[in-house]
Amino acid sequence: MSPRKNVPIIDALPEHYPYRDDGCDVSPSCLCCPLPWCKYDDPVTYHRELRESRDSEVIQVKRDQGKSVPELAQHFGLSQRTIHRIVEHAKHVPSTGPEHRTEEATPPGCHAL
């Protein structure tokens, strides 16, 4: 009982809280999320990662399919100026494609994205 009469103390430990693990657009469950940090905890880094992933895809499509800037702009729904920036930036930045990244094991009961 608390100092106030007849009022029980509520255990505030997280394991006793009815937490709903609804996930987000990245993963159906927070416990199975592939991100090293929560997108809600660090939205700036999350959006930077999304942008870098998009930019890598633009460069890969340009290299593999030989599409022009207007074709890339239409394909990705971006402006031609944004495509020019991505292409120009890629000329000055070393590749950090999938072959340079390390994959972590997917927790049991979770699906890899």
Protein backbone atom coordinates (compact mmCIF):
# COMPACT_ATOMS: atom_id res chain seq x y z
CA MET A 1 0.00 0.00 0.00
CA SER A 2 1.09 3.56 -0.63
CA PRO A 3 1.35 6.30 1.97
CA ARG A 4 -2.20 7.22 0.97
CA LYS A 5 -4.69 4.90 2.59
CA ASN A 6 -6.14 2.04 0.57
CA VAL A 7 -4.40 3.03 -2.69
CA PRO A 8 -2.28 0.18 -4.10
CA ILE A 9 1.17 0.93 -5.52
CA ILE A 10 1.26 0.25 -9.25
CA ASP A 11 4.31 -1.66 -10.42
CA ALA A 12 5.83 0.54 -13.13
CA LEU A 13 8.26 -2.08 -14.46
CA PRO A 14 8.03 -2.43 -18.25
CA GLU A 15 7.43 -6.18 -18.07
CA HIS A 16 4.22 -5.46 -16.16
CA TYR A 17 2.98 -2.79 -18.54
CA PRO A 18 0.51 -3.94 -21.23
CA TYR A 19 2.79 -2.81 -24.09
CA ARG A 20 1.41 -3.32 -27.59
CA ASP A 21 4.14 -4.09 -30.10
CA ASP A 22 2.44 -2.80 -33.25
CA GLY A 23 5.66 -2.10 -35.14
CA CYS A 24 5.66 0.45 -37.97
CA ASP A 25 6.09 0.60 -41.74
CA VAL A 26 9.58 -0.93 -41.39
CA SER A 27 8.63 -4.02 -39.37
CA PRO A 28 5.42 -5.56 -38.04
CA SER A 29 7.04 -5.87 -34.60
CA CYS A 30 9.57 -3.71 -32.74
CA LEU A 31 11.26 -6.83 -31.39
CA CYS A 32 11.80 -8.14 -34.93
CA CYS A 33 12.87 -4.82 -36.47
CA PRO A 34 16.02 -4.97 -38.63
CA LEU A 35 16.98 -1.38 -37.84
CA PRO A 36 19.79 -0.87 -35.33
CA TRP A 37 17.79 2.03 -33.79
CA CYS A 38 14.12 2.98 -33.77
CA LYS A 39 13.06 5.30 -36.57
CA TYR A 40 11.04 7.27 -34.02
CA ASP A 41 14.04 7.71 -31.71
CA ASP A 42 16.27 9.09 -34.48
CA PRO A 43 14.16 10.29 -37.45
CA VAL A 44 17.02 12.30 -39.00
CA THR A 45 19.23 9.22 -39.35
CA TYR A 46 16.28 7.12 -40.54
CA HIS A 47 15.44 9.59 -43.32
CA ARG A 48 19.11 9.89 -44.29
CA GLU A 49 19.28 6.09 -44.63
CA LEU A 50 16.14 6.10 -46.79
CA ARG A 51 17.60 8.82 -49.00
CA GLU A 52 20.95 7.01 -49.33
CA SER A 53 19.15 3.78 -50.22
CA ARG A 54 17.09 5.59 -52.86
CA ASP A 55 20.19 7.28 -54.26
CA SER A 56 22.00 3.94 -54.51
CA GLU A 57 19.05 2.48 -56.37
CA VAL A 58 19.01 5.44 -58.79
CA ILE A 59 22.73 4.96 -59.53
CA GLN A 60 22.30 1.20 -59.96
CA VAL A 61 19.40 1.62 -62.42
CA LYS A 62 21.39 4.26 -64.33
CA ARG A 63 24.41 1.96 -64.52
CA ASP A 64 22.55 -1.30 -65.28
CA GLN A 65 19.80 -0.03 -67.59
CA GLY A 66 21.52 3.04 -69.02
CA LYS A 67 18.49 5.26 -68.44
CA SER A 68 18.75 8.98 -69.09
CA VAL A 69 18.13 11.65 -66.44
CA PRO A 70 14.53 12.33 -67.62
CA GLU A 71 13.80 8.59 -67.65
CA LEU A 72 15.23 8.17 -64.15
CA ALA A 73 13.25 11.17 -62.91
CA GLN A 74 10.03 9.66 -64.21
CA HIS A 75 10.89 6.15 -62.98
CA PHE A 76 11.58 7.31 -59.40
CA GLY A 77 9.10 10.19 -59.25
CA LEU A 78 11.85 12.75 -58.65
CA SER A 79 12.78 15.98 -60.36
CA GLN A 80 15.50 15.97 -63.00
CA ARG A 81 17.51 18.33 -60.79
CA THR A 82 17.40 15.80 -57.93
CA ILE A 83 18.63 13.06 -60.31
CA HIS A 84 21.48 15.34 -61.43
CA ARG A 85 22.44 15.94 -57.78
CA ILE A 86 22.39 12.20 -57.02
CA VAL A 87 24.55 11.38 -60.06
CA GLU A 88 27.01 14.19 -59.32
CA HIS A 89 27.25 13.23 -55.65
CA ALA A 90 27.90 9.57 -56.58
CA LYS A 91 30.96 10.63 -58.62
CA HIS A 92 32.63 11.96 -55.46
CA VAL A 93 31.55 9.37 -52.86
CA PRO A 94 33.00 5.84 -52.58
CA SER A 95 30.54 2.99 -52.99
CA THR A 96 28.75 1.77 -49.85
CA GLY A 97 26.51 -0.75 -51.57
CA PRO A 98 25.15 -3.98 -50.11
CA GLU A 99 28.48 -5.75 -50.55
CA HIS A 100 30.01 -3.38 -47.96
CA ARG A 101 27.29 -3.82 -45.32
CA THR A 102 27.06 -6.51 -42.68
CA GLU A 103 23.81 -8.34 -42.08
CA GLU A 104 22.61 -9.24 -38.60
CA ALA A 105 20.81 -12.49 -37.88
CA THR A 106 17.01 -12.31 -37.86
CA PRO A 107 15.58 -13.13 -34.41
CA PRO A 108 13.64 -16.41 -34.18
CA GLY A 109 10.00 -16.02 -35.20
CA CYS A 110 10.70 -12.87 -37.22
CA HIS A 111 10.72 -12.46 -40.97
CA ALA A 112 13.63 -10.84 -42.75
CA LEU A 113 12.67 -7.80 -44.82
